[in-house]
Structure formats: C-alpha cells, structure tokens
Amino acid sequence: MKKLLRKRGIWKLFILLGCVAIVYFSFQILSIRVLSTHHRKERESAHHNTEVDLETDSKLPEKKKYLLDQNIHARSGKLPHEPSDSKKLRFTPKVNRASKLRQVSQKVPIGKFQARVEEPVEDPQVDVEQIKAKWSLHWTRGVQDIHQSLYLPDREGLFTCLKTKKRLPASQINDDYCDCPDSSDEPGTSACPNGRFYCRFQLPGSPAQSIPSSRVNDGICDCCDTSDEWANVTLDNDLKLPDSKTYAVYQAPCHNHCDLLLKKKGAQDKVQALGARLKHKYLQAAGQLGKERETYGANGVFYLLSQGCANVVMSGYKYNICPFKKITQQHGSEPTVNLGEKPSWIQVHSGIYQLLMSDGAGFPCPNGLKRSTVITFQCGLQDQVTSVQENERCKYEVIYLTPAAC
C-alpha cells in the first residue's frame, strides 16, 4: 500500500477526481439558484395578474383602483400610459360578463361592425340566472314578446341559431352582420336576406304584424310605433312621394299612429259583435241543406249569398257578382265577359274566408290563361261589395262584406 501511494500517477488521479466533484457540485448549486429565481418570478407574475383582475372589477372603489394602478406600473418600470413588457409582466384581465351583456344590450349599430369575442369567457362565480334576469329587461329588437326568451345567452354567454343550431357569442345578435344560416341572429336589422322583423306594438287579438327584414330602415314607416325605422333613415328627395296620405304611405321621419289603429280596431270589434247577432239568419237558411251544406262554408253559413247577386259599377265597368255561381263584367255596350264560374274554397277557417271562382273566359289572357276571381268575405252589417280590382292580368279580387263572416 505504501508503495502504491508513493507512485506519482495515483496522486494525479485523486486530484482529477476532486476537480470533477467540485465542478459537479457547483453546477448543482447554480441550477438550484436558477430554478428558485424562476419560481419566484412566476409567483410575482401570478400576484400581478390577481391585482389586474381586481382592477377590472366594477365594484372596486376608485381610490383603491388608482393605488393598484400606480403599484403595478411602478413594479413594471413603465409609465401608466406605456404598454407593459410581456417578458417582465403578463396582464390577463378577465372580462366582467355582466358588464359585457349590458354593453351589448345598449349597443345600437348603424352599419358598423364591432369587435367580437371569439371565445366565451368562463367565470364559475357568475350567477347565470341573475344575468338572464338582467338581460331579459332589454327587449331584443325585431323579436316577438313570446320569443324573447330564445335570445337569452346560455351559461357560456352564447346564442343558438333557432333552426340551424349554430352557436355564436350573444354580442353578435343584431350587429348588422348575418352569422346564422337561418337569419335568426339579425331580427332587428336588414343584414339577413330571409329575416322577419316584428313590430314592437301589436294589436291585441290580431295576428302578429311583421315585415321582411329588408324593409328595416328603408325610410318607409311600416310599423305604427315607428320601431322598424329606429335609425331615422330618410328617403332621398327624388324618392319621396308628394302626398303620403294620397298613397296611404308613411315616410320617415316616422310618427306613432298606433292610436288610430286602436280606434279602427275598436270600431271593427263593435261591428263584429253586432254582426254575430245577424249571423243567425244565415245559419237558419242553411238548415234545410243536406250533405252539400259544407260546400257553403262551416254549417253552410254562406248558402244564403248563393241565392242572390250583387250588382256594382266601378271604374266604368258593371259587375254582376253571384257567389258560388258566376261573376261577369261588362264595359259599356261591349259583350259580357265571364270572370269565373267554378267555385272552390281557398281558405275557410280562422276568420279568413276566401272563395275562388275559376274557369272564366280566356281571350285575350296570355298563355291560354283563363280569368278567375277571388272573393274575400269580411265581417259587415249587411251584404255589400266594396271593392273589385284586377291586380294581375285576368285575375280579379272582390271584397264582400256580410254578417255571415262575423
């Protein structure tokens, strides 16, 4: 052993192993310091993010928000108006969903696309029912009251297209850009080609009043409450009519005239009530009929009209209107023209009664078409023809008032 230790090569080996050990332990100590520094920076970054989240809370007092702002910018070494260095400090502010929904509901876009949130913000602490309650206070433009709930955002703040079931952020409702293939996301604008706009005011007891969405903000007042012209768009001077009353057209700027419709409906309701009493005579006249009773409407109520004819003169033409039998037209001393003699019902329920009288004279109608007439029976206190029009070539429309339609 002593001879082995006296050899010079053995000592060189010990010295080399000692140097390797020193380098190895130095590298381990350095790695530990680097890792500890990295973890400390991550903890500081997380702490800064928490402070930024507090800053965005709308309920935080203004003084505390100011102190937090000064503290954050002091740590980052930046002035308040300078952008933060992403390598030194990461800001990931969360969006307050309730405030976002309030901003969306108050938005009134006029031809400008606003920024969209492509990914929903998840916040498990948000009360979804409370958000829906606040959202429901805001009327979604162009949607019927019975369908307003379909436009409430879900738990993720998304809206589902009514037919195609495509999901998109609720902020894209009525943003003047058509996102849903079924056009359901733009009920209050003219962005979608097949959309329907429902007026805010609806006559009680009447079918829902709606217009094609292409008529929204076109300068023509379609809704009596002016809700379809919310952008106050006016027609160019060369498109304006000289006298709106003559053409029964209301042009922008619009004015609310729903009170006139209510008065008109009130008068119609009175006529309906009185006409219902007179209707008994028409039902009694059909009592003698057998199986052919339904040919004349429900319980044969229009049978009595088939036993007579109404003669009227309109626009220089004489009309002889015999429901269920024949309708003719004559101009001066010219020959009489058959406008239809084959009866068939188009609709005879839900308060709408339309009778088609077809197979009239063909000459000189185009493409071998034969003349036909549609008689629309409406509630009235006596049997009376109030209108005869040829809206299309060889196609006529007659308005026939009668207690039988009440």
Protein backbone atom coordinates (compact mmCIF):
# COMPACT_ATOMS: atom_id res chain seq x y z
CA MET A 1 0.00 0.00 0.00
CA LYS A 2 2.80 2.39 0.83
CA LYS A 3 4.47 1.61 -2.47
CA LEU A 4 1.20 2.30 -4.28
CA LEU A 5 0.81 5.70 -2.60
CA ARG A 6 4.37 6.65 -3.50
CA LYS A 7 3.52 6.43 -7.18
CA ARG A 8 3.01 9.83 -8.78
CA GLY A 9 0.19 8.69 -11.12
CA ILE A 10 -2.13 7.77 -8.27
CA TRP A 11 -2.00 11.30 -6.86
CA LYS A 12 -2.82 12.78 -10.25
CA LEU A 13 -5.90 10.55 -10.43
CA PHE A 14 -7.11 11.71 -6.97
CA ILE A 15 -6.62 15.36 -7.97
CA LEU A 16 -8.60 14.86 -11.20
CA LEU A 17 -11.50 13.18 -9.36
CA GLY A 18 -11.58 16.03 -6.86
CA CYS A 19 -11.79 18.62 -9.62
CA VAL A 20 -14.67 16.76 -11.28
CA ALA A 21 -16.53 16.59 -7.97
CA ILE A 22 -16.09 20.34 -7.40
CA VAL A 23 -17.43 21.17 -10.90
CA TYR A 24 -20.37 18.80 -10.46
CA PHE A 25 -21.48 20.25 -7.10
CA SER A 26 -21.01 23.82 -8.37
CA PHE A 27 -23.31 23.10 -11.33
CA GLN A 28 -25.97 21.64 -8.99
CA ILE A 29 -25.86 24.70 -6.74
CA LEU A 30 -26.18 27.02 -9.73
CA SER A 31 -29.15 25.05 -11.10
CA ILE A 32 -30.94 25.27 -7.75
CA ARG A 33 -30.49 29.05 -7.70
CA VAL A 34 -31.81 29.45 -11.26
CA LEU A 35 -34.89 27.32 -10.55
CA SER A 36 -35.67 29.20 -7.35
CA THR A 37 -35.38 32.53 -9.20
CA HIS A 38 -37.75 31.25 -11.95
CA HIS A 39 -40.36 30.08 -9.41
CA ARG A 40 -40.15 33.41 -7.59
CA LYS A 41 -40.82 35.31 -10.84
CA GLU A 42 -43.81 33.09 -11.63
CA ARG A 43 -45.30 33.77 -8.20
CA GLU A 44 -44.83 37.52 -8.70
CA SER A 45 -46.48 37.30 -12.15
CA ALA A 46 -49.48 35.43 -10.71
CA HIS A 47 -49.74 38.03 -7.95
CA HIS A 48 -49.71 40.83 -10.55
CA ASN A 49 -52.49 39.11 -12.57
CA THR A 50 -54.62 38.95 -9.44
CA GLU A 51 -54.15 42.68 -8.93
CA VAL A 52 -55.18 43.39 -12.52
CA ASP A 53 -58.33 41.30 -12.04
CA LEU A 54 -59.18 43.37 -9.01
CA GLU A 55 -58.62 46.48 -11.03
CA THR A 56 -61.23 45.45 -13.64
CA ASP A 57 -63.90 44.78 -11.03
CA SER A 58 -66.57 47.46 -11.44
CA LYS A 59 -67.37 47.34 -7.71
CA LEU A 60 -63.79 48.29 -6.62
CA PRO A 61 -63.58 51.82 -5.14
CA GLU A 62 -61.92 54.40 -7.38
CA LYS A 63 -59.16 55.21 -4.84
CA LYS A 64 -58.13 51.58 -4.48
CA LYS A 65 -58.15 51.15 -8.27
CA TYR A 66 -55.82 54.16 -8.58
CA LEU A 67 -53.39 52.79 -5.95
CA LEU A 68 -53.32 49.40 -7.62
CA ASP A 69 -52.64 51.04 -10.96
CA GLN A 70 -49.70 53.03 -9.57
CA ASN A 71 -48.32 49.96 -7.76
CA ILE A 72 -48.45 47.77 -10.87
CA HIS A 73 -46.79 50.32 -13.12
CA ALA A 74 -44.14 51.04 -10.50
CA ARG A 75 -43.19 47.36 -10.33
CA SER A 76 -43.11 47.01 -14.11
CA GLY A 77 -40.94 50.11 -14.51
CA LYS A 78 -43.37 51.60 -17.04
CA LEU A 79 -45.34 54.81 -17.07
CA PRO A 80 -49.14 54.41 -16.81
CA HIS A 81 -49.62 55.21 -20.50
CA GLU A 82 -46.86 52.90 -21.75
CA PRO A 83 -47.54 49.24 -22.73
CA SER A 84 -46.25 46.58 -20.39
CA ASP A 85 -43.34 44.33 -21.34
CA SER A 86 -44.78 40.82 -21.80
CA LYS A 87 -41.46 39.28 -20.71
CA LYS A 88 -41.45 41.11 -17.41
CA LEU A 89 -45.13 41.20 -16.51
CA ARG A 90 -48.10 39.41 -18.03
CA PHE A 91 -51.52 41.05 -17.88
CA THR A 92 -54.51 38.75 -18.43
CA PRO A 93 -57.53 40.81 -17.38
CA LYS A 94 -60.83 38.94 -17.24
CA VAL A 95 -63.94 40.40 -18.81
CA ASN A 96 -66.82 41.01 -16.43
CA ARG A 97 -69.64 39.16 -18.19
CA ALA A 98 -72.46 41.14 -16.62
CA SER A 99 -70.97 44.46 -17.76
CA LYS A 100 -70.37 42.95 -21.19
CA LEU A 101 -74.04 42.00 -21.52
CA ARG A 102 -75.08 45.49 -20.51
CA GLN A 103 -72.86 46.95 -23.22
CA VAL A 104 -74.31 44.56 -25.81
CA SER A 105 -77.91 45.42 -24.87
CA GLN A 106 -77.23 49.14 -25.13
CA LYS A 107 -75.46 48.82 -28.49
CA VAL A 108 -77.26 50.42 -31.46
CA PRO A 109 -75.19 49.54 -34.53
CA ILE A 110 -75.67 51.65 -37.67
CA GLY A 111 -73.72 49.94 -40.42
CA LYS A 112 -70.53 49.44 -38.39
CA PHE A 113 -69.17 46.08 -37.33
CA GLN A 114 -67.94 45.99 -33.77
CA ALA A 115 -65.21 43.81 -32.28
CA ARG A 116 -66.29 40.30 -31.45
CA VAL A 117 -65.29 37.96 -28.67
CA GLU A 118 -64.47 34.72 -30.47
CA GLU A 119 -64.07 32.63 -27.30
CA PRO A 120 -66.50 32.74 -24.36
CA VAL A 121 -65.17 33.86 -21.02
CA GLU A 122 -65.67 31.31 -18.30
CA ASP A 123 -66.35 32.57 -14.81
CA PRO A 124 -67.84 29.99 -12.42
CA GLN A 125 -68.61 32.69 -9.85
CA VAL A 126 -71.12 34.47 -12.12
CA ASP A 127 -74.79 33.93 -11.29
CA VAL A 128 -76.25 32.80 -14.62
CA GLU A 129 -79.87 33.30 -13.52
CA GLN A 130 -79.07 36.84 -12.45
CA ILE A 131 -77.51 37.56 -15.84
CA LYS A 132 -80.59 36.20 -17.64
CA ALA A 133 -82.84 38.32 -15.43
CA LYS A 134 -80.89 41.47 -16.31
CA TRP A 135 -80.72 40.54 -19.98
CA SER A 136 -84.47 39.91 -20.13
CA LEU A 137 -85.10 43.53 -19.12
CA HIS A 138 -83.75 44.59 -22.52
CA TRP A 139 -86.04 43.98 -25.47
CA THR A 140 -84.31 42.30 -28.41
CA ARG A 141 -85.23 44.42 -31.41
CA GLY A 142 -87.46 42.75 -34.01
CA VAL A 143 -88.45 39.71 -31.88
CA GLN A 144 -91.96 38.84 -30.71
CA ASP A 145 -92.52 39.01 -26.96
CA ILE A 146 -93.33 35.30 -26.82
CA HIS A 147 -89.93 34.51 -28.42
CA GLN A 148 -87.76 36.91 -26.39
CA SER A 149 -86.54 34.09 -24.13
CA LEU A 150 -84.95 32.35 -27.14
CA TYR A 151 -82.46 35.22 -27.39
CA LEU A 152 -81.14 34.92 -23.83
CA PRO A 153 -77.47 33.81 -23.63
CA ASP A 154 -76.71 30.38 -22.24
CA ARG A 155 -74.30 29.57 -19.41
CA GLU A 156 -71.33 30.25 -21.70
CA GLY A 157 -72.69 33.55 -22.98
CA LEU A 158 -73.64 32.07 -26.36
CA PHE A 159 -76.71 32.34 -28.59
CA THR A 160 -78.01 29.31 -30.52
CA CYS A 161 -79.42 29.88 -34.02
CA LEU A 162 -83.09 28.91 -33.94
CA LYS A 163 -83.10 26.37 -36.81
CA THR A 164 -79.52 25.50 -37.71
CA LYS A 165 -78.43 25.35 -34.02
CA LYS A 166 -75.15 27.11 -34.76
CA ARG A 167 -73.70 28.71 -31.62
CA LEU A 168 -72.14 32.16 -31.52
CA PRO A 169 -71.44 34.90 -28.94
CA ALA A 170 -74.57 36.75 -27.83
CA SER A 171 -72.85 40.01 -28.77
CA GLN A 172 -73.38 39.10 -32.44
CA ILE A 173 -77.17 39.46 -32.17
CA ASN A 174 -78.32 42.48 -34.22
CA ASP A 175 -74.75 43.54 -35.06
CA ASP A 176 -75.69 44.18 -38.72
CA TYR A 177 -73.85 41.04 -39.91
CA CYS A 178 -75.61 37.81 -40.84
CA ASP A 179 -73.98 34.93 -38.92
CA CYS A 180 -76.77 32.32 -38.69
CA PRO A 181 -77.60 30.45 -41.92
CA ASP A 182 -81.28 30.69 -40.93
CA SER A 183 -81.05 34.52 -40.48
CA SER A 184 -82.24 34.28 -36.86
CA ASP A 185 -79.38 36.34 -35.36
CA GLU A 186 -80.46 39.55 -37.14
CA PRO A 187 -84.15 40.05 -36.28
CA GLY A 188 -83.73 43.80 -35.91
CA THR A 189 -81.56 44.72 -38.91
CA SER A 190 -81.63 44.26 -42.68
CA ALA A 191 -78.40 42.21 -42.78
CA CYS A 192 -80.01 38.80 -43.46
CA PRO A 193 -81.93 38.08 -46.68
CA ASN A 194 -84.72 35.91 -45.22
CA GLY A 195 -85.29 37.59 -41.86
CA ARG A 196 -88.58 38.79 -40.36
CA PHE A 197 -88.95 41.94 -38.27
CA TYR A 198 -91.83 42.01 -35.75
CA CYS A 199 -93.15 45.41 -34.76
CA ARG A 200 -92.83 46.30 -31.10
CA PHE A 201 -96.51 47.25 -30.85
CA GLN A 202 -99.00 44.51 -31.68
CA LEU A 203 -102.77 44.92 -31.94
CA PRO A 204 -104.38 42.78 -29.22
CA GLY A 205 -106.35 39.86 -30.57
CA SER A 206 -104.88 40.22 -34.07
CA PRO A 207 -102.28 38.18 -35.96
CA ALA A 208 -98.70 39.24 -35.29
CA GLN A 209 -97.63 42.13 -37.51
CA SER A 210 -94.26 41.59 -39.20
CA ILE A 211 -92.37 42.77 -42.28
CA PRO A 212 -89.43 41.39 -44.29
CA SER A 213 -86.19 42.49 -42.65
CA SER A 214 -85.15 44.14 -45.92
CA ARG A 215 -87.66 46.90 -45.11
CA VAL A 216 -85.94 47.86 -41.86
CA ASN A 217 -84.52 51.39 -42.03
CA ASP A 218 -85.64 51.91 -45.63
CA GLY A 219 -87.28 55.28 -44.99
CA ILE A 220 -90.86 53.89 -45.12
CA CYS A 221 -92.80 53.61 -41.84
CA ASP A 222 -94.29 50.10 -41.81
CA CYS A 223 -94.88 49.73 -38.05
CA CYS A 224 -97.34 52.11 -36.44
CA ASP A 225 -94.96 52.59 -33.48
CA THR A 226 -92.00 53.50 -35.79
CA SER A 227 -89.95 50.60 -34.40
CA ASP A 228 -88.85 49.48 -37.89
CA GLU A 229 -87.19 52.86 -38.57
CA TRP A 230 -85.00 53.05 -35.46
CA ALA A 231 -82.01 54.51 -37.38
CA ASN A 232 -84.07 57.52 -38.59
CA VAL A 233 -83.11 57.00 -42.24
CA THR A 234 -84.91 59.38 -44.61
CA LEU A 235 -85.60 58.96 -48.31
CA ASP A 236 -83.79 60.99 -50.94
CA ASN A 237 -85.79 63.90 -52.29
CA ASP A 238 -86.23 62.23 -55.67
CA LEU A 239 -87.83 59.18 -53.99
CA LYS A 240 -90.23 60.99 -51.69
CA LEU A 241 -93.93 60.98 -52.53
CA PRO A 242 -95.56 64.43 -52.81
CA ASP A 243 -98.51 63.46 -50.62
CA SER A 244 -98.21 60.45 -48.34
CA LYS A 245 -101.88 60.48 -47.40
CA THR A 246 -102.93 60.09 -51.02
CA TYR A 247 -100.88 56.89 -51.35
CA ALA A 248 -101.54 55.69 -47.78
CA VAL A 249 -97.77 55.55 -47.19
CA TYR A 250 -95.96 56.97 -44.15
CA GLN A 251 -92.45 58.26 -44.89
CA ALA A 252 -89.61 58.95 -42.45
CA PRO A 253 -89.33 60.78 -40.13
CA CYS A 254 -91.97 58.47 -38.66
CA HIS A 255 -94.62 59.34 -36.10
CA ASN A 256 -96.54 56.98 -33.85
CA HIS A 257 -100.07 56.43 -35.15
CA CYS A 258 -100.99 53.28 -33.22
CA ASP A 259 -103.86 55.14 -31.55
CA LEU A 260 -105.59 55.38 -34.95
CA LEU A 261 -105.27 51.62 -35.42
CA LEU A 262 -106.68 51.02 -31.95
CA LYS A 263 -109.71 53.19 -32.72
CA LYS A 264 -110.22 51.40 -36.02
CA LYS A 265 -109.98 48.01 -34.32
CA GLY A 266 -112.43 49.16 -31.65
CA ALA A 267 -114.94 50.02 -34.37
CA GLN A 268 -114.33 46.65 -36.04
CA ASP A 269 -114.92 44.85 -32.74
CA LYS A 270 -118.28 46.57 -32.40
CA VAL A 271 -119.23 45.54 -35.95
CA GLN A 272 -118.09 42.01 -35.16
CA ALA A 273 -120.34 41.86 -32.10
CA LEU A 274 -123.40 43.20 -33.94
CA GLY A 275 -122.73 41.03 -36.99
CA ALA A 276 -122.52 37.91 -34.85
CA ARG A 277 -126.16 38.51 -33.85
CA LEU A 278 -127.25 38.88 -37.50
CA LYS A 279 -125.35 35.73 -38.46
CA HIS A 280 -128.11 33.55 -37.01
CA LYS A 281 -130.32 34.28 -40.07
CA TYR A 282 -127.67 32.83 -42.42
CA LEU A 283 -127.24 29.68 -40.34
CA GLN A 284 -131.00 29.20 -40.18
CA ALA A 285 -131.28 29.45 -44.01
CA ALA A 286 -128.76 26.60 -44.39
CA GLY A 287 -130.73 24.31 -42.07
CA GLN A 288 -132.61 22.73 -44.97
CA LEU A 289 -129.41 21.57 -46.68
CA GLY A 290 -128.10 18.03 -46.55
CA LYS A 291 -124.62 16.77 -47.37
CA GLU A 292 -123.93 19.76 -49.62
CA ARG A 293 -124.07 22.09 -46.60
CA GLU A 294 -120.25 22.21 -46.17
CA THR A 295 -119.95 23.43 -49.75
CA TYR A 296 -121.06 26.82 -48.45
CA GLY A 297 -118.65 27.05 -45.54
CA ALA A 298 -118.94 25.93 -41.93
CA ASN A 299 -122.55 24.86 -41.29
CA GLY A 300 -123.47 26.29 -44.72
CA VAL A 301 -123.27 29.85 -43.38
CA PHE A 302 -122.68 31.36 -46.85
CA TYR A 303 -125.54 29.47 -48.54
CA LEU A 304 -127.89 32.48 -48.43
CA LEU A 305 -125.40 34.51 -50.53
CA SER A 306 -125.65 31.93 -53.31
CA GLN A 307 -129.35 32.72 -53.67
CA GLY A 308 -128.76 36.28 -54.91
CA CYS A 309 -126.40 38.52 -56.86
CA ALA A 310 -124.74 41.87 -56.17
CA ASN A 311 -124.61 44.43 -58.98
CA VAL A 312 -121.95 47.16 -58.71
CA VAL A 313 -120.34 49.71 -61.04
CA MET A 314 -116.66 50.52 -60.52
CA SER A 315 -114.24 52.38 -62.80
CA GLY A 316 -116.76 52.34 -65.66
CA TYR A 317 -117.31 48.56 -65.51
CA LYS A 318 -120.52 46.80 -64.49
CA TYR A 319 -120.06 43.70 -62.35
CA ASN A 320 -122.66 41.04 -61.62
CA ILE A 321 -121.36 39.01 -58.66
CA CYS A 322 -123.23 35.82 -57.81
CA PRO A 323 -121.17 33.88 -55.22
CA PHE A 324 -120.85 30.12 -55.89
CA LYS A 325 -122.45 30.60 -59.35
CA LYS A 326 -120.92 33.15 -61.71
CA ILE A 327 -119.20 36.55 -61.94
CA THR A 328 -119.41 38.71 -65.07
CA GLN A 329 -118.00 42.05 -66.25
CA GLN A 330 -119.31 44.47 -68.90
CA HIS A 331 -117.88 47.71 -70.21
CA GLY A 332 -120.44 49.96 -71.88
CA SER A 333 -122.15 48.17 -74.76
CA GLU A 334 -119.40 45.59 -75.17
CA PRO A 335 -120.17 41.88 -74.71
CA THR A 336 -120.29 40.46 -71.18
CA VAL A 337 -117.08 38.73 -70.03
CA ASN A 338 -117.13 35.71 -67.74
CA LEU A 339 -114.75 36.25 -64.74
CA GLY A 340 -115.30 32.82 -63.15
CA GLU A 341 -118.00 30.22 -62.62
CA LYS A 342 -116.40 27.25 -60.85
CA PRO A 343 -116.34 27.70 -57.03
CA SER A 344 -113.71 26.26 -54.67
CA TRP A 345 -112.56 27.36 -51.24
CA ILE A 346 -109.03 28.74 -50.78
CA GLN A 347 -109.43 29.21 -47.02
CA VAL A 348 -112.50 28.90 -44.83
CA HIS A 349 -111.27 28.94 -41.23
CA SER A 350 -109.53 31.13 -38.61
CA GLY A 351 -111.72 34.10 -39.53
CA ILE A 352 -110.48 34.16 -43.15
CA TYR A 353 -112.94 33.22 -45.88
CA GLN A 354 -111.70 33.24 -49.47
CA LEU A 355 -113.68 31.70 -52.36
CA LEU A 356 -112.08 31.14 -55.77
CA MET A 357 -114.30 31.45 -58.81
CA SER A 358 -112.28 29.94 -61.68
CA ASP A 359 -112.74 28.78 -65.28
CA GLY A 360 -113.73 32.16 -66.72
CA ALA A 361 -113.22 33.45 -70.27
CA GLY A 362 -109.71 33.09 -71.68
CA PHE A 363 -109.44 35.60 -74.52
CA PRO A 364 -107.24 37.72 -74.59
CA CYS A 365 -105.43 36.39 -71.49
CA PRO A 366 -101.75 35.43 -72.06
CA ASN A 367 -100.53 31.83 -72.41
CA GLY A 368 -104.03 30.37 -72.55
CA LEU A 369 -104.81 31.59 -69.02
CA LYS A 370 -108.49 31.77 -68.05
CA ARG A 371 -109.95 34.55 -65.95
CA SER A 372 -110.54 33.91 -62.25
CA THR A 373 -111.83 35.87 -59.26
CA VAL A 374 -111.11 35.56 -55.55
CA ILE A 375 -113.96 36.68 -53.28
CA THR A 376 -112.83 37.63 -49.77
CA PHE A 377 -115.74 37.64 -47.31
CA GLN A 378 -115.33 40.07 -44.43
CA CYS A 379 -117.50 40.90 -41.44
CA GLY A 380 -120.10 43.59 -42.12
CA LEU A 381 -123.60 44.56 -41.03
CA GLN A 382 -125.11 43.98 -44.48
CA ASP A 383 -124.30 42.18 -47.73
CA GLN A 384 -122.25 44.64 -49.74
CA VAL A 385 -119.44 44.53 -52.34
CA THR A 386 -116.95 47.30 -51.52
CA SER A 387 -114.10 46.62 -53.92
CA VAL A 388 -113.33 44.94 -57.27
CA GLN A 389 -109.76 45.09 -58.58
CA GLU A 390 -107.70 43.44 -61.29
CA ASN A 391 -104.32 43.27 -59.53
CA GLU A 392 -102.88 40.89 -62.14
CA ARG A 393 -103.75 40.26 -65.76
CA CYS A 394 -107.03 38.28 -65.88
CA LYS A 395 -107.02 37.80 -62.07
CA TYR A 396 -109.60 39.71 -60.04
CA GLU A 397 -110.20 40.30 -56.33
CA VAL A 398 -113.57 41.13 -54.71
CA ILE A 399 -114.16 42.34 -51.13
CA TYR A 400 -117.61 41.20 -49.99
CA LEU A 401 -118.95 42.40 -46.60
CA THR A 402 -121.54 40.17 -44.93
CA PRO A 403 -122.74 39.20 -41.40
CA ALA A 404 -122.05 35.58 -42.41
CA ALA A 405 -118.29 36.26 -41.98
CA CYS A 406 -118.65 37.66 -38.45
